[in-house]
Amino acid sequence: MEILNYTISYLLSGIFVSFILDLQQDHMTKKGIMEQEFRDNWGIAERLIVILLWPIAIIIFLKALLK
């Protein structure tokens, strides 16, 4: 039962991170920082990868953001 709680927490955290990344991409697209073509390529497959591998996704996003 405890493993189920950890799994649900991990997946919910991934969903939250994916949501935040979507909001950030929308904001960056509206400001002209990110090209619309990149935003259009952000699909369900990429969202699922972020949900499953969100700790790595956060590190990659922060490195790109701070450049």
C-alpha atoms as a PDB file:
ATOM      1  CA  MET A   1       0.000   0.000   0.000  1.00  0.00           C
ATOM      2  CA  GLU A   2       2.880   2.352   0.756  1.00  0.00           C
ATOM      3  CA  ILE A   3       4.366   1.781  -2.713  1.00  0.00           C
ATOM      4  CA  LEU A   4       1.049   2.795  -4.246  1.00  0.00           C
ATOM      5  CA  ASN A   5       1.135   6.083  -2.321  1.00  0.00           C
ATOM      6  CA  TYR A   6       4.677   6.795  -3.539  1.00  0.00           C
ATOM      7  CA  THR A   7       3.706   5.947  -7.110  1.00  0.00           C
ATOM      8  CA  ILE A   8       0.666   8.211  -7.047  1.00  0.00           C
ATOM      9  CA  SER A   9       2.702  11.040  -5.503  1.00  0.00           C
ATOM     10  CA  TYR A  10       5.422  10.636  -8.130  1.00  0.00           C
ATOM     11  CA  LEU A  11       2.924  10.688 -11.010  1.00  0.00           C
ATOM     12  CA  LEU A  12       1.016  13.668  -9.584  1.00  0.00           C
ATOM     13  CA  SER A  13       4.287  15.545  -9.210  1.00  0.00           C
ATOM     14  CA  GLY A  14       5.050  14.761 -12.853  1.00  0.00           C
ATOM     15  CA  ILE A  15       1.642  16.025 -13.941  1.00  0.00           C
ATOM     16  CA  PHE A  16       2.235  19.237 -11.991  1.00  0.00           C
ATOM     17  CA  VAL A  17       5.672  19.718 -13.579  1.00  0.00           C
ATOM     18  CA  SER A  18       4.222  19.092 -17.047  1.00  0.00           C
ATOM     19  CA  PHE A  19       1.503  21.663 -16.379  1.00  0.00           C
ATOM     20  CA  ILE A  20       4.067  24.246 -15.231  1.00  0.00           C
ATOM     21  CA  LEU A  21       6.193  23.598 -18.331  1.00  0.00           C
ATOM     22  CA  ASP A  22       3.127  24.073 -20.545  1.00  0.00           C
ATOM     23  CA  LEU A  23       2.363  27.391 -18.866  1.00  0.00           C
ATOM     24  CA  GLN A  24       5.984  28.490 -19.213  1.00  0.00           C
ATOM     25  CA  GLN A  25       6.037  27.572 -22.896  1.00  0.00           C
ATOM     26  CA  ASP A  26       2.846  29.551 -23.503  1.00  0.00           C
ATOM     27  CA  HIS A  27       4.330  32.564 -21.748  1.00  0.00           C
ATOM     28  CA  MET A  28       7.627  32.315 -23.645  1.00  0.00           C
ATOM     29  CA  THR A  29       5.794  31.954 -26.966  1.00  0.00           C
ATOM     30  CA  LYS A  30       3.668  35.047 -26.286  1.00  0.00           C
ATOM     31  CA  LYS A  31       6.778  37.060 -25.337  1.00  0.00           C
ATOM     32  CA  GLY A  32       8.568  35.945 -28.525  1.00  0.00           C
ATOM     33  CA  ILE A  33      11.305  34.089 -26.665  1.00  0.00           C
ATOM     34  CA  MET A  34      10.267  30.686 -28.026  1.00  0.00           C
ATOM     35  CA  GLU A  35       9.267  29.954 -31.593  1.00  0.00           C
ATOM     36  CA  GLN A  36       5.720  28.754 -32.235  1.00  0.00           C
ATOM     37  CA  GLU A  37       7.022  25.752 -34.213  1.00  0.00           C
ATOM     38  CA  PHE A  38       8.677  24.358 -31.093  1.00  0.00           C
ATOM     39  CA  ARG A  39       5.480  24.878 -29.111  1.00  0.00           C
ATOM     40  CA  ASP A  40       3.457  23.095 -31.811  1.00  0.00           C
ATOM     41  CA  ASN A  41       5.743  20.042 -31.573  1.00  0.00           C
ATOM     42  CA  TRP A  42       5.036  19.650 -27.839  1.00  0.00           C
ATOM     43  CA  GLY A  43       2.588  16.744 -27.888  1.00  0.00           C
ATOM     44  CA  ILE A  44       1.206  14.010 -25.701  1.00  0.00           C
ATOM     45  CA  ALA A  45       4.331  11.840 -26.072  1.00  0.00           C
ATOM     46  CA  GLU A  46       6.553  14.603 -24.707  1.00  0.00           C
ATOM     47  CA  ARG A  47       4.132  15.243 -21.857  1.00  0.00           C
ATOM     48  CA  LEU A  48       4.141  11.559 -20.898  1.00  0.00           C
ATOM     49  CA  ILE A  49       7.939  11.501 -20.917  1.00  0.00           C
ATOM     50  CA  VAL A  50       8.000  14.538 -18.623  1.00  0.00           C
ATOM     51  CA  ILE A  51       5.434  12.943 -16.304  1.00  0.00           C
ATOM     52  CA  LEU A  52       7.509   9.773 -16.014  1.00  0.00           C
ATOM     53  CA  LEU A  53      10.959  11.394 -15.929  1.00  0.00           C
ATOM     54  CA  TRP A  54      10.162  14.741 -14.302  1.00  0.00           C
ATOM     55  CA  PRO A  55      13.303  15.071 -12.141  1.00  0.00           C
ATOM     56  CA  ILE A  56      15.483  14.883 -15.255  1.00  0.00           C
ATOM     57  CA  ALA A  57      13.100  17.183 -17.139  1.00  0.00           C
ATOM     58  CA  ILE A  58      13.410  19.838 -14.427  1.00  0.00           C
ATOM     59  CA  ILE A  59      17.215  19.748 -14.607  1.00  0.00           C
ATOM     60  CA  ILE A  60      17.223  20.045 -18.403  1.00  0.00           C
ATOM     61  CA  PHE A  61      14.676  22.872 -18.337  1.00  0.00           C
ATOM     62  CA  LEU A  62      16.594  24.853 -15.715  1.00  0.00           C
ATOM     63  CA  LYS A  63      19.873  24.474 -17.608  1.00  0.00           C
ATOM     64  CA  ALA A  64      18.229  25.745 -20.799  1.00  0.00           C
ATOM     65  CA  LEU A  65      16.475  28.568 -18.977  1.00  0.00           C
ATOM     66  CA  LEU A  66      19.636  29.811 -17.278  1.00  0.00           C
ATOM     67  CA  LYS A  67      21.710  29.931 -20.496  1.00  0.00           C
END
